[in-house]
Amino acid sequence: MKKPYRFARGPMLAAALLAVTVALTASAAEVKSGLKIAFVPKQINNPYEVIADDGGMAAIKEMKGDGKVVGPSDAGASSQVSYINTLITQRQNAIVIAANDANAVVPYLKKAMSQGIKVVTFDSDTAPDGRQIFVNQAESEAIGRGQIQLLSKLIGGEGEFAILSATPNATNQNTWIKWMQEELKKPEYSKMKLVKIAYGNDDDQKSFVETQGLLQAYPNLKGIVAPTSVGIAAAARYIQSSPAKGKVTVTGLGTPNQMRAFIKNGTVQAFQLWDPGQLGYLAAFAAANLASGTITGKEGDSFDAGKLGKRTVGKSGEVILGPPTTFDASNIDRFNF
C-alpha cells in the first residue's frame, strides 16, 4: 500500500508546488495595464520638472498605461488645485504631484483618495495625510547638510553667503534649508555666515534679479547656494557676466545639461543633483503599484520599479531614490540630462 501512496504523492506535491509558485507570482504581480496616471508638476515649463515628468511618462509607457502631464505655469501655493479637481472628475487611477505647498492641496488630494484615486507625491511632499507615498530624491537631511559641506569646501570654510530658494512655501526647499541651518551650527562652520534667504519663486528672471540684489546688498558675499535648478542657473548666468565672476561661488542643485556651460567657463566649480528622470520613473512605478493593489503604502511594502529594481516603502510612506551626485569639470560630460 505504501508504494502507490508514494507514487501518488509525487504528482500531488508537484501540483502543490506549482500552485504556490503561481500564488507567489501573483503576490509579486506586475502592475495592471491600462492604468490612467497623471503627473502634476510644480510648473509645467520648469526644465527640471520636464525631465522628471518625462521619466514618469517613460515608465507609464513601459507599463502599458495611459499617462499625461497637466499643471500650472506658475508655482503659486494653490495653482495646482484646479488641475487636481479636473483629474478627480476624469477618474484617474493615480495622481503623482510635486506639491507647491505642503498644505494648500491636501484637502483636494484627500478628496481624490476618498474616491479611490491613489496619490503619490514626489520631489516636494505634502502633509502626510495628503498622499499614500512620498518618493524622495534622497534623504532630506543628507541633501541639506551636503549643500553646506560642498559650499564650505568651495569657499575655504569662511565668508558670507546667501541662499537663493524657490518659493517661500516650497516643502522640499524649506526642509533642505532647515538642515543647512542645522549643519551650520557645527564648530567647523563658525567662520561662515548666512546673511540672507532670498526667493526667486522658481522664475528665471526673478531669480536673476534676486542674484543682482544679493550682490548689491552684500558686497563681501562669497557664495550663493541655490537648491533649485531654476535658481542656480539664473544665479550663474548673472555671475558669469559680472565682476563677481571668480569671486562669488555659485553652487546648489541643477542638471548637468543646464549647468555644463557654466562649469566649462569657470563660473561654477561644482553642484549637486540626482537624476530627475529616474525620480519621475520611480514615482510612476510607485503610483502604478498602489493603483494595482500590489502595495498599500505602509512601511515595509516592497515593489518592483522596472530598471531601478526592487524598492521598499520606509517610515511615513517614504521611498528614497538614492544619494545625490556632485558634478564638476571632471565628470559632467559623462551625464546627459
C-alpha atoms as a PDB file:
ATOM      1  CA  MET A   1       0.000   0.000   0.000  1.00  0.00           C
ATOM      2  CA  LYS A   2       2.923   2.317   0.613  1.00  0.00           C
ATOM      3  CA  LYS A   3       4.252   2.164  -2.915  1.00  0.00           C
ATOM      4  CA  PRO A   4       1.099   3.518  -4.628  1.00  0.00           C
ATOM      5  CA  TYR A   5       0.906   6.168  -1.901  1.00  0.00           C
ATOM      6  CA  ARG A   6       4.427   7.344  -2.641  1.00  0.00           C
ATOM      7  CA  PHE A   7       3.721   7.216  -6.357  1.00  0.00           C
ATOM      8  CA  ALA A   8       0.575   9.347  -5.990  1.00  0.00           C
ATOM      9  CA  ARG A   9       2.362  11.768  -3.687  1.00  0.00           C
ATOM     10  CA  GLY A  10       4.826  12.886  -6.393  1.00  0.00           C
ATOM     11  CA  PRO A  11       2.343  14.492  -8.788  1.00  0.00           C
ATOM     12  CA  MET A  12       0.334  15.842  -5.858  1.00  0.00           C
ATOM     13  CA  LEU A  13       3.444  17.548  -4.489  1.00  0.00           C
ATOM     14  CA  ALA A  14       4.326  18.892  -7.910  1.00  0.00           C
ATOM     15  CA  ALA A  15       0.846  20.320  -8.284  1.00  0.00           C
ATOM     16  CA  ALA A  16       1.053  21.898  -4.849  1.00  0.00           C
ATOM     17  CA  LEU A  17       4.420  23.465  -5.620  1.00  0.00           C
ATOM     18  CA  LEU A  18       3.049  24.788  -8.902  1.00  0.00           C
ATOM     19  CA  ALA A  19       0.126  26.347  -7.047  1.00  0.00           C
ATOM     20  CA  VAL A  20       2.483  28.001  -4.550  1.00  0.00           C
ATOM     21  CA  THR A  21       4.641  29.332  -7.388  1.00  0.00           C
ATOM     22  CA  VAL A  22       1.609  30.784  -9.135  1.00  0.00           C
ATOM     23  CA  ALA A  23       0.446  32.356  -5.877  1.00  0.00           C
ATOM     24  CA  LEU A  24       3.848  33.896  -5.213  1.00  0.00           C
ATOM     25  CA  THR A  25       3.993  35.219  -8.761  1.00  0.00           C
ATOM     26  CA  ALA A  26       0.562  36.755  -8.302  1.00  0.00           C
ATOM     27  CA  SER A  27       1.585  38.348  -4.995  1.00  0.00           C
ATOM     28  CA  ALA A  28       4.568  39.949  -6.704  1.00  0.00           C
ATOM     29  CA  ALA A  29       2.205  40.736  -9.516  1.00  0.00           C
ATOM     30  CA  GLU A  30       3.067  43.008 -12.308  1.00  0.00           C
ATOM     31  CA  VAL A  31       1.083  46.219 -12.374  1.00  0.00           C
ATOM     32  CA  LYS A  32      -2.185  46.345 -14.263  1.00  0.00           C
ATOM     33  CA  SER A  33      -2.074  47.557 -17.848  1.00  0.00           C
ATOM     34  CA  GLY A  34      -4.184  50.482 -18.999  1.00  0.00           C
ATOM     35  CA  LEU A  35      -3.854  52.491 -15.778  1.00  0.00           C
ATOM     36  CA  LYS A  36      -4.548  56.205 -16.085  1.00  0.00           C
ATOM     37  CA  ILE A  37      -1.804  58.098 -14.243  1.00  0.00           C
ATOM     38  CA  ALA A  38      -1.477  61.892 -14.272  1.00  0.00           C
ATOM     39  CA  PHE A  39       1.586  63.906 -13.254  1.00  0.00           C
ATOM     40  CA  VAL A  40       1.078  67.379 -11.794  1.00  0.00           C
ATOM     41  CA  PRO A  41       4.393  69.302 -11.719  1.00  0.00           C
ATOM     42  CA  LYS A  42       5.063  72.490  -9.769  1.00  0.00           C
ATOM     43  CA  GLN A  43       5.275  74.308 -13.079  1.00  0.00           C
ATOM     44  CA  ILE A  44       4.549  72.873 -16.490  1.00  0.00           C
ATOM     45  CA  ASN A  45       7.528  74.669 -18.109  1.00  0.00           C
ATOM     46  CA  ASN A  46      10.148  74.165 -15.381  1.00  0.00           C
ATOM     47  CA  PRO A  47      13.151  72.398 -17.046  1.00  0.00           C
ATOM     48  CA  TYR A  48      13.768  70.162 -14.035  1.00  0.00           C
ATOM     49  CA  GLU A  49      10.098  69.224 -13.836  1.00  0.00           C
ATOM     50  CA  VAL A  50      10.007  68.434 -17.560  1.00  0.00           C
ATOM     51  CA  ILE A  51      12.836  65.902 -17.145  1.00  0.00           C
ATOM     52  CA  ALA A  52      11.144  64.351 -14.104  1.00  0.00           C
ATOM     53  CA  ASP A  53       7.770  64.146 -15.846  1.00  0.00           C
ATOM     54  CA  ASP A  54       9.341  62.645 -18.969  1.00  0.00           C
ATOM     55  CA  GLY A  55      10.820  59.917 -16.765  1.00  0.00           C
ATOM     56  CA  GLY A  56       7.361  59.249 -15.382  1.00  0.00           C
ATOM     57  CA  MET A  57       5.802  59.080 -18.826  1.00  0.00           C
ATOM     58  CA  ALA A  58       8.511  56.633 -19.962  1.00  0.00           C
ATOM     59  CA  ALA A  59       7.695  54.350 -17.016  1.00  0.00           C
ATOM     60  CA  ILE A  60       3.962  54.510 -17.704  1.00  0.00           C
ATOM     61  CA  LYS A  61       4.552  53.609 -21.339  1.00  0.00           C
ATOM     62  CA  GLU A  62       6.704  50.687 -20.170  1.00  0.00           C
ATOM     63  CA  MET A  63       3.789  49.514 -18.030  1.00  0.00           C
ATOM     64  CA  LYS A  64       1.332  49.934 -20.934  1.00  0.00           C
ATOM     65  CA  GLY A  65      -0.536  52.653 -19.085  1.00  0.00           C
ATOM     66  CA  ASP A  66      -2.077  55.961 -20.110  1.00  0.00           C
ATOM     67  CA  GLY A  67      -0.021  58.872 -18.800  1.00  0.00           C
ATOM     68  CA  LYS A  68      -0.325  62.624 -19.062  1.00  0.00           C
ATOM     69  CA  VAL A  69       1.167  65.778 -17.575  1.00  0.00           C
ATOM     70  CA  VAL A  70      -1.021  68.719 -16.533  1.00  0.00           C
ATOM     71  CA  GLY A  71      -0.217  71.680 -14.338  1.00  0.00           C
ATOM     72  CA  PRO A  72       0.149  75.417 -13.828  1.00  0.00           C
ATOM     73  CA  SER A  73       2.614  77.805 -15.423  1.00  0.00           C
ATOM     74  CA  ASP A  74       3.308  79.438 -12.048  1.00  0.00           C
ATOM     75  CA  ALA A  75       4.403  77.960  -8.732  1.00  0.00           C
ATOM     76  CA  GLY A  76       1.716  79.561  -6.562  1.00  0.00           C
ATOM     77  CA  ALA A  77       0.576  77.725  -3.435  1.00  0.00           C
ATOM     78  CA  SER A  78      -2.904  76.955  -4.769  1.00  0.00           C
ATOM     79  CA  SER A  79      -2.210  76.955  -8.512  1.00  0.00           C
ATOM     80  CA  GLN A  80      -2.395  73.145  -8.719  1.00  0.00           C
ATOM     81  CA  VAL A  81      -5.858  72.857  -7.160  1.00  0.00           C
ATOM     82  CA  SER A  82      -7.948  73.236 -10.334  1.00  0.00           C
ATOM     83  CA  TYR A  83      -5.879  70.542 -12.062  1.00  0.00           C
ATOM     84  CA  ILE A  84      -6.402  68.112  -9.186  1.00  0.00           C
ATOM     85  CA  ASN A  85     -10.157  68.713  -9.323  1.00  0.00           C
ATOM     86  CA  THR A  86     -10.221  68.050 -13.056  1.00  0.00           C
ATOM     87  CA  LEU A  87      -8.263  64.816 -12.621  1.00  0.00           C
ATOM     88  CA  ILE A  88     -10.754  63.669  -9.985  1.00  0.00           C
ATOM     89  CA  THR A  89     -13.588  64.286 -12.448  1.00  0.00           C
ATOM     90  CA  GLN A  90     -11.680  62.328 -15.098  1.00  0.00           C
ATOM     91  CA  ARG A  91     -11.387  59.355 -12.712  1.00  0.00           C
ATOM     92  CA  GLN A  92      -7.647  58.914 -12.972  1.00  0.00           C
ATOM     93  CA  ASN A  93      -6.279  55.792 -11.293  1.00  0.00           C
ATOM     94  CA  ALA A  94      -3.432  57.759  -9.720  1.00  0.00           C
ATOM     95  CA  ILE A  95      -2.132  61.303  -9.333  1.00  0.00           C
ATOM     96  CA  VAL A  96       1.587  61.989  -8.975  1.00  0.00           C
ATOM     97  CA  ILE A  97       2.257  65.519  -7.747  1.00  0.00           C
ATOM     98  CA  ALA A  98       5.232  67.729  -6.856  1.00  0.00           C
ATOM     99  CA  ALA A  99       3.475  69.991  -4.373  1.00  0.00           C
ATOM    100  CA  ASN A 100       3.969  73.747  -4.437  1.00  0.00           C
ATOM    101  CA  ASP A 101       2.693  73.974  -0.874  1.00  0.00           C
ATOM    102  CA  ALA A 102       2.613  71.389   1.907  1.00  0.00           C
ATOM    103  CA  ASN A 103      -0.973  72.129   2.905  1.00  0.00           C
ATOM    104  CA  ALA A 104      -2.864  74.023   0.192  1.00  0.00           C
ATOM    105  CA  VAL A 105      -3.504  70.955  -1.986  1.00  0.00           C
ATOM    106  CA  VAL A 106      -4.173  68.468   0.827  1.00  0.00           C
ATOM    107  CA  PRO A 107      -7.998  68.809   1.022  1.00  0.00           C
ATOM    108  CA  TYR A 108      -8.271  68.167  -2.717  1.00  0.00           C
ATOM    109  CA  LEU A 109      -5.864  65.225  -2.666  1.00  0.00           C
ATOM    110  CA  LYS A 110      -7.830  63.756   0.262  1.00  0.00           C
ATOM    111  CA  LYS A 111     -10.949  64.083  -1.859  1.00  0.00           C
ATOM    112  CA  ALA A 112      -9.181  62.197  -4.647  1.00  0.00           C
ATOM    113  CA  MET A 113      -8.165  59.397  -2.283  1.00  0.00           C
ATOM    114  CA  SER A 114     -11.690  59.172  -0.871  1.00  0.00           C
ATOM    115  CA  GLN A 115     -12.834  58.356  -4.400  1.00  0.00           C
ATOM    116  CA  GLY A 116     -10.289  55.576  -4.859  1.00  0.00           C
ATOM    117  CA  ILE A 117      -7.622  57.591  -6.671  1.00  0.00           C
ATOM    118  CA  LYS A 118      -4.113  56.809  -5.419  1.00  0.00           C
ATOM    119  CA  VAL A 119      -1.863  59.767  -4.625  1.00  0.00           C
ATOM    120  CA  VAL A 120       1.927  59.851  -4.757  1.00  0.00           C
ATOM    121  CA  THR A 121       3.983  62.958  -4.059  1.00  0.00           C
ATOM    122  CA  PHE A 122       7.486  63.262  -5.415  1.00  0.00           C
ATOM    123  CA  ASP A 123      10.253  65.871  -5.268  1.00  0.00           C
ATOM    124  CA  SER A 124       8.178  68.078  -2.936  1.00  0.00           C
ATOM    125  CA  ASP A 125       5.909  66.491  -0.342  1.00  0.00           C
ATOM    126  CA  THR A 126       2.584  67.461   1.191  1.00  0.00           C
ATOM    127  CA  ALA A 127       1.500  66.889   4.764  1.00  0.00           C
ATOM    128  CA  PRO A 128       1.424  63.075   5.194  1.00  0.00           C
ATOM    129  CA  ASP A 129      -2.374  62.853   5.126  1.00  0.00           C
ATOM    130  CA  GLY A 130      -2.379  64.251   1.591  1.00  0.00           C
ATOM    131  CA  ARG A 131      -0.827  61.181  -0.028  1.00  0.00           C
ATOM    132  CA  GLN A 132      -0.067  57.483   0.344  1.00  0.00           C
ATOM    133  CA  ILE A 133       3.587  57.522  -0.737  1.00  0.00           C
ATOM    134  CA  PHE A 134       6.262  60.224  -0.992  1.00  0.00           C
ATOM    135  CA  VAL A 135       9.075  59.471  -3.442  1.00  0.00           C
ATOM    136  CA  ASN A 136      12.032  61.470  -2.195  1.00  0.00           C
ATOM    137  CA  GLN A 137      15.167  62.265  -4.203  1.00  0.00           C
ATOM    138  CA  ALA A 138      17.443  61.399  -1.316  1.00  0.00           C
ATOM    139  CA  GLU A 139      17.276  61.771   2.426  1.00  0.00           C
ATOM    140  CA  SER A 140      16.390  65.405   3.024  1.00  0.00           C
ATOM    141  CA  GLU A 141      18.918  65.727   5.819  1.00  0.00           C
ATOM    142  CA  ALA A 142      21.722  64.475   3.574  1.00  0.00           C
ATOM    143  CA  ILE A 143      20.770  66.923   0.820  1.00  0.00           C
ATOM    144  CA  GLY A 144      20.676  69.935   3.134  1.00  0.00           C
ATOM    145  CA  ARG A 145      23.834  69.122   5.037  1.00  0.00           C
ATOM    146  CA  GLY A 146      25.587  68.199   1.790  1.00  0.00           C
ATOM    147  CA  GLN A 147      24.913  71.637   0.322  1.00  0.00           C
ATOM    148  CA  ILE A 148      26.717  73.335   3.219  1.00  0.00           C
ATOM    149  CA  GLN A 149      29.546  70.811   3.129  1.00  0.00           C
ATOM    150  CA  LEU A 150      30.102  71.449  -0.575  1.00  0.00           C
ATOM    151  CA  LEU A 151      29.883  75.238  -0.220  1.00  0.00           C
ATOM    152  CA  SER A 152      32.350  75.204   2.661  1.00  0.00           C
ATOM    153  CA  LYS A 153      34.817  73.262   0.554  1.00  0.00           C
ATOM    154  CA  LEU A 154      34.408  75.688  -2.347  1.00  0.00           C
ATOM    155  CA  ILE A 155      34.827  78.918  -0.319  1.00  0.00           C
ATOM    156  CA  GLY A 156      37.515  77.671   2.044  1.00  0.00           C
ATOM    157  CA  GLY A 157      35.268  77.394   5.079  1.00  0.00           C
ATOM    158  CA  GLU A 158      34.747  81.098   5.682  1.00  0.00           C
ATOM    159  CA  GLY A 159      32.799  84.105   4.451  1.00  0.00           C
ATOM    160  CA  GLU A 160      29.284  85.425   3.936  1.00  0.00           C
ATOM    161  CA  PHE A 161      26.846  83.505   1.774  1.00  0.00           C
ATOM    162  CA  ALA A 162      23.199  83.619   0.766  1.00  0.00           C
ATOM    163  CA  ILE A 163      20.579  81.032  -0.136  1.00  0.00           C
ATOM    164  CA  LEU A 164      18.542  81.588  -3.304  1.00  0.00           C
ATOM    165  CA  SER A 165      15.455  79.418  -2.873  1.00  0.00           C
ATOM    166  CA  ALA A 166      12.304  78.822  -4.925  1.00  0.00           C
ATOM    167  CA  THR A 167       9.045  79.867  -3.238  1.00  0.00           C
ATOM    168  CA  PRO A 168       8.670  80.597   0.495  1.00  0.00           C
ATOM    169  CA  ASN A 169       6.183  77.709   0.786  1.00  0.00           C
ATOM    170  CA  ALA A 170       8.088  75.025  -1.155  1.00  0.00           C
ATOM    171  CA  THR A 171       8.212  71.971   1.124  1.00  0.00           C
ATOM    172  CA  ASN A 172      11.420  70.485  -0.232  1.00  0.00           C
ATOM    173  CA  GLN A 173      13.291  73.804  -0.256  1.00  0.00           C
ATOM    174  CA  ASN A 174      12.300  74.621   3.317  1.00  0.00           C
ATOM    175  CA  THR A 175      13.244  71.158   4.558  1.00  0.00           C
ATOM    176  CA  TRP A 176      16.674  71.348   2.915  1.00  0.00           C
ATOM    177  CA  ILE A 177      17.231  74.869   4.244  1.00  0.00           C
ATOM    178  CA  LYS A 178      16.365  73.666   7.757  1.00  0.00           C
ATOM    179  CA  TRP A 179      19.097  71.026   7.501  1.00  0.00           C
ATOM    180  CA  MET A 180      21.528  73.564   6.031  1.00  0.00           C
ATOM    181  CA  GLN A 181      20.989  75.707   9.104  1.00  0.00           C
ATOM    182  CA  GLU A 182      21.462  72.683  11.362  1.00  0.00           C
ATOM    183  CA  GLU A 183      24.750  71.850   9.631  1.00  0.00           C
ATOM    184  CA  LEU A 184      25.919  75.446  10.068  1.00  0.00           C
ATOM    185  CA  LYS A 185      25.726  75.033  13.849  1.00  0.00           C
ATOM    186  CA  LYS A 186      28.777  72.767  13.777  1.00  0.00           C
ATOM    187  CA  PRO A 187      32.038  74.373  15.000  1.00  0.00           C
ATOM    188  CA  GLU A 188      33.799  73.878  11.684  1.00  0.00           C
ATOM    189  CA  TYR A 189      31.463  76.425  10.062  1.00  0.00           C
ATOM    190  CA  SER A 190      31.977  79.155  12.673  1.00  0.00           C
ATOM    191  CA  LYS A 191      33.596  81.406  10.072  1.00  0.00           C
ATOM    192  CA  MET A 192      30.713  81.080   7.618  1.00  0.00           C
ATOM    193  CA  LYS A 193      27.707  83.387   7.898  1.00  0.00           C
ATOM    194  CA  LEU A 194      24.298  83.031   6.254  1.00  0.00           C
ATOM    195  CA  VAL A 195      23.267  86.626   5.533  1.00  0.00           C
ATOM    196  CA  LYS A 196      20.054  86.180   3.541  1.00  0.00           C
ATOM    197  CA  ILE A 197      17.498  83.676   2.266  1.00  0.00           C
ATOM    198  CA  ALA A 198      16.138  85.106  -0.983  1.00  0.00           C
ATOM    199  CA  TYR A 199      13.252  83.747  -3.057  1.00  0.00           C
ATOM    200  CA  GLY A 200      13.219  83.666  -6.842  1.00  0.00           C
ATOM    201  CA  ASN A 201       9.848  81.841  -6.960  1.00  0.00           C
ATOM    202  CA  ASP A 202      11.332  79.320  -9.417  1.00  0.00           C
ATOM    203  CA  ASP A 203      11.135  82.057 -12.032  1.00  0.00           C
ATOM    204  CA  ASP A 204      14.235  82.624 -14.138  1.00  0.00           C
ATOM    205  CA  GLN A 205      14.005  86.418 -14.379  1.00  0.00           C
ATOM    206  CA  LYS A 206      13.087  86.945 -10.734  1.00  0.00           C
ATOM    207  CA  SER A 207      15.937  84.655  -9.643  1.00  0.00           C
ATOM    208  CA  PHE A 208      18.294  86.620 -11.904  1.00  0.00           C
ATOM    209  CA  VAL A 209      17.173  89.926 -10.313  1.00  0.00           C
ATOM    210  CA  GLU A 210      17.416  88.448  -6.801  1.00  0.00           C
ATOM    211  CA  THR A 211      21.039  87.483  -7.515  1.00  0.00           C
ATOM    212  CA  GLN A 212      21.795  91.034  -8.579  1.00  0.00           C
ATOM    213  CA  GLY A 213      20.155  92.309  -5.385  1.00  0.00           C
ATOM    214  CA  LEU A 214      22.214  89.980  -3.202  1.00  0.00           C
ATOM    215  CA  LEU A 215      25.476  91.187  -4.686  1.00  0.00           C
ATOM    216  CA  GLN A 216      24.474  94.830  -4.232  1.00  0.00           C
ATOM    217  CA  ALA A 217      23.283  94.341  -0.648  1.00  0.00           C
ATOM    218  CA  TYR A 218      26.243  92.222   0.442  1.00  0.00           C
ATOM    219  CA  PRO A 219      29.469  93.402  -1.225  1.00  0.00           C
ATOM    220  CA  ASN A 220      31.514  90.843   0.751  1.00  0.00           C
ATOM    221  CA  LEU A 221      29.412  87.898  -0.395  1.00  0.00           C
ATOM    222  CA  LYS A 222      31.495  84.815  -1.132  1.00  0.00           C
ATOM    223  CA  GLY A 223      28.841  82.303  -2.078  1.00  0.00           C
ATOM    224  CA  ILE A 224      25.294  81.660  -3.248  1.00  0.00           C
ATOM    225  CA  VAL A 225      23.600  78.297  -2.672  1.00  0.00           C
ATOM    226  CA  ALA A 226      20.538  77.747  -4.870  1.00  0.00           C
ATOM    227  CA  PRO A 227      18.803  74.439  -4.046  1.00  0.00           C
ATOM    228  CA  THR A 228      16.595  74.854  -7.119  1.00  0.00           C
ATOM    229  CA  SER A 229      17.509  74.198 -10.751  1.00  0.00           C
ATOM    230  CA  VAL A 230      15.932  77.478 -11.888  1.00  0.00           C
ATOM    231  CA  GLY A 231      17.729  79.495  -9.236  1.00  0.00           C
ATOM    232  CA  ILE A 232      21.207  78.041  -9.732  1.00  0.00           C
ATOM    233  CA  ALA A 233      21.117  78.612 -13.500  1.00  0.00           C
ATOM    234  CA  ALA A 234      19.842  82.181 -13.138  1.00  0.00           C
ATOM    235  CA  ALA A 235      22.467  82.985 -10.498  1.00  0.00           C
ATOM    236  CA  ALA A 236      25.245  81.525 -12.646  1.00  0.00           C
ATOM    237  CA  ARG A 237      24.033  83.449 -15.691  1.00  0.00           C
ATOM    238  CA  TYR A 238      24.213  86.718 -13.775  1.00  0.00           C
ATOM    239  CA  ILE A 239      27.596  85.984 -12.192  1.00  0.00           C
ATOM    240  CA  GLN A 240      29.280  84.927 -15.449  1.00  0.00           C
ATOM    241  CA  SER A 241      28.910  88.404 -16.968  1.00  0.00           C
ATOM    242  CA  SER A 242      29.567  90.408 -13.800  1.00  0.00           C
ATOM    243  CA  PRO A 243      32.702  91.492 -11.916  1.00  0.00           C
ATOM    244  CA  ALA A 244      31.743  88.886  -9.316  1.00  0.00           C
ATOM    245  CA  LYS A 245      32.872  86.036 -11.578  1.00  0.00           C
ATOM    246  CA  GLY A 246      35.730  84.240  -9.869  1.00  0.00           C
ATOM    247  CA  LYS A 247      34.939  85.978  -6.581  1.00  0.00           C
ATOM    248  CA  VAL A 248      31.462  84.696  -5.736  1.00  0.00           C
ATOM    249  CA  THR A 249      30.913  80.934  -5.742  1.00  0.00           C
ATOM    250  CA  VAL A 250      27.618  79.603  -7.084  1.00  0.00           C
ATOM    251  CA  THR A 251      26.504  76.107  -6.154  1.00  0.00           C
ATOM    252  CA  GLY A 252      23.312  74.238  -5.357  1.00  0.00           C
ATOM    253  CA  LEU A 253      21.094  71.794  -7.226  1.00  0.00           C
ATOM    254  CA  GLY A 254      20.938  71.752 -11.030  1.00  0.00           C
ATOM    255  CA  THR A 255      21.023  69.447 -14.033  1.00  0.00           C
ATOM    256  CA  PRO A 256      24.281  68.689 -15.878  1.00  0.00           C
ATOM    257  CA  ASN A 257      22.967  69.832 -19.268  1.00  0.00           C
ATOM    258  CA  GLN A 258      21.715  73.072 -17.765  1.00  0.00           C
ATOM    259  CA  MET A 259      24.968  73.789 -15.902  1.00  0.00           C
ATOM    260  CA  ARG A 260      27.560  72.414 -18.344  1.00  0.00           C
ATOM    261  CA  ALA A 261      28.441  75.769 -19.925  1.00  0.00           C
ATOM    262  CA  PHE A 262      28.908  77.399 -16.520  1.00  0.00           C
ATOM    263  CA  ILE A 263      31.252  74.608 -15.442  1.00  0.00           C
ATOM    264  CA  LYS A 264      33.194  74.890 -18.706  1.00  0.00           C
ATOM    265  CA  ASN A 265      33.645  78.669 -18.450  1.00  0.00           C
ATOM    266  CA  GLY A 266      34.599  78.583 -14.782  1.00  0.00           C
ATOM    267  CA  THR A 267      31.556  80.367 -13.364  1.00  0.00           C
ATOM    268  CA  VAL A 268      30.581  77.288 -11.336  1.00  0.00           C
ATOM    269  CA  GLN A 269      33.040  74.810  -9.845  1.00  0.00           C
ATOM    270  CA  ALA A 270      30.665  72.143  -8.569  1.00  0.00           C
ATOM    271  CA  PHE A 271      26.996  71.451  -7.854  1.00  0.00           C
ATOM    272  CA  GLN A 272      24.801  68.509  -6.949  1.00  0.00           C
ATOM    273  CA  LEU A 273      21.698  66.653  -8.077  1.00  0.00           C
ATOM    274  CA  TRP A 274      20.148  63.248  -8.605  1.00  0.00           C
ATOM    275  CA  ASP A 275      18.692  62.136 -11.943  1.00  0.00           C
ATOM    276  CA  PRO A 276      15.231  63.784 -12.054  1.00  0.00           C
ATOM    277  CA  GLY A 277      14.190  61.420 -14.845  1.00  0.00           C
ATOM    278  CA  GLN A 278      14.768  58.461 -12.535  1.00  0.00           C
ATOM    279  CA  LEU A 279      12.826  60.261  -9.799  1.00  0.00           C
ATOM    280  CA  GLY A 280       9.776  60.552 -12.060  1.00  0.00           C
ATOM    281  CA  TYR A 281      10.255  56.970 -13.239  1.00  0.00           C
ATOM    282  CA  LEU A 282      10.256  55.674  -9.653  1.00  0.00           C
ATOM    283  CA  ALA A 283       7.214  57.784  -8.733  1.00  0.00           C
ATOM    284  CA  ALA A 284       5.266  56.342 -11.664  1.00  0.00           C
ATOM    285  CA  PHE A 285       6.024  52.784 -10.575  1.00  0.00           C
ATOM    286  CA  ALA A 286       5.014  53.587  -7.004  1.00  0.00           C
ATOM    287  CA  ALA A 287       1.712  55.026  -8.241  1.00  0.00           C
ATOM    288  CA  ALA A 288       1.040  52.088 -10.562  1.00  0.00           C
ATOM    289  CA  ASN A 289       1.708  49.570  -7.803  1.00  0.00           C
ATOM    290  CA  LEU A 290      -0.646  51.413  -5.478  1.00  0.00           C
ATOM    291  CA  ALA A 291      -3.331  51.514  -8.170  1.00  0.00           C
ATOM    292  CA  SER A 292      -2.809  47.802  -8.888  1.00  0.00           C
ATOM    293  CA  GLY A 293      -3.143  46.837  -5.236  1.00  0.00           C
ATOM    294  CA  THR A 294       0.293  45.215  -5.014  1.00  0.00           C
ATOM    295  CA  ILE A 295       1.165  47.656  -2.200  1.00  0.00           C
ATOM    296  CA  THR A 296      -0.786  49.908   0.152  1.00  0.00           C
ATOM    297  CA  GLY A 297       1.965  52.370   1.054  1.00  0.00           C
ATOM    298  CA  LYS A 298       2.626  51.026   4.534  1.00  0.00           C
ATOM    299  CA  GLU A 299       6.152  50.756   5.889  1.00  0.00           C
ATOM    300  CA  GLY A 300       7.831  47.563   4.703  1.00  0.00           C
ATOM    301  CA  ASP A 301       5.865  47.246   1.461  1.00  0.00           C
ATOM    302  CA  SER A 302       8.134  46.420  -1.479  1.00  0.00           C
ATOM    303  CA  PHE A 303       7.529  46.738  -5.187  1.00  0.00           C
ATOM    304  CA  ASP A 304       9.286  46.306  -8.489  1.00  0.00           C
ATOM    305  CA  ALA A 305      10.376  49.599 -10.070  1.00  0.00           C
ATOM    306  CA  GLY A 306      11.462  48.424 -13.509  1.00  0.00           C
ATOM    307  CA  LYS A 307      15.074  49.272 -14.314  1.00  0.00           C
ATOM    308  CA  LEU A 308      15.542  50.674 -10.784  1.00  0.00           C
ATOM    309  CA  GLY A 309      14.860  47.269  -9.242  1.00  0.00           C
ATOM    310  CA  LYS A 310      13.068  46.413  -6.022  1.00  0.00           C
ATOM    311  CA  ARG A 311      12.155  49.302  -3.741  1.00  0.00           C
ATOM    312  CA  THR A 312      10.849  49.346  -0.180  1.00  0.00           C
ATOM    313  CA  VAL A 313       8.493  51.807   1.469  1.00  0.00           C
ATOM    314  CA  GLY A 314      10.058  53.308   4.566  1.00  0.00           C
ATOM    315  CA  LYS A 315       8.806  55.275   7.530  1.00  0.00           C
ATOM    316  CA  SER A 316       5.918  57.676   6.872  1.00  0.00           C
ATOM    317  CA  GLY A 317       5.382  56.195   3.417  1.00  0.00           C
ATOM    318  CA  GLU A 318       8.703  57.460   2.070  1.00  0.00           C
ATOM    319  CA  VAL A 319      10.578  55.828  -0.810  1.00  0.00           C
ATOM    320  CA  ILE A 320      14.148  57.035  -1.437  1.00  0.00           C
ATOM    321  CA  LEU A 321      15.682  57.266  -4.911  1.00  0.00           C
ATOM    322  CA  GLY A 322      19.305  57.451  -3.730  1.00  0.00           C
ATOM    323  CA  PRO A 323      22.139  59.820  -2.765  1.00  0.00           C
ATOM    324  CA  PRO A 324      22.863  62.912  -4.902  1.00  0.00           C
ATOM    325  CA  THR A 325      25.860  63.157  -7.215  1.00  0.00           C
ATOM    326  CA  THR A 326      28.397  66.000  -7.178  1.00  0.00           C
ATOM    327  CA  PHE A 327      29.105  67.285 -10.678  1.00  0.00           C
ATOM    328  CA  ASP A 328      32.266  69.166 -11.654  1.00  0.00           C
ATOM    329  CA  ALA A 329      34.621  69.519 -14.606  1.00  0.00           C
ATOM    330  CA  SER A 330      35.991  66.009 -14.071  1.00  0.00           C
ATOM    331  CA  ASN A 331      32.700  64.165 -14.588  1.00  0.00           C
ATOM    332  CA  ILE A 332      29.997  66.416 -16.057  1.00  0.00           C
ATOM    333  CA  ASP A 333      30.489  65.195 -19.610  1.00  0.00           C
ATOM    334  CA  ARG A 334      29.547  61.665 -18.531  1.00  0.00           C
ATOM    335  CA  PHE A 335      25.953  62.787 -17.898  1.00  0.00           C
ATOM    336  CA  ASN A 336      23.228  63.794 -20.304  1.00  0.00           C
ATOM    337  CA  PHE A 337      20.048  65.038 -18.626  1.00  0.00           C
END
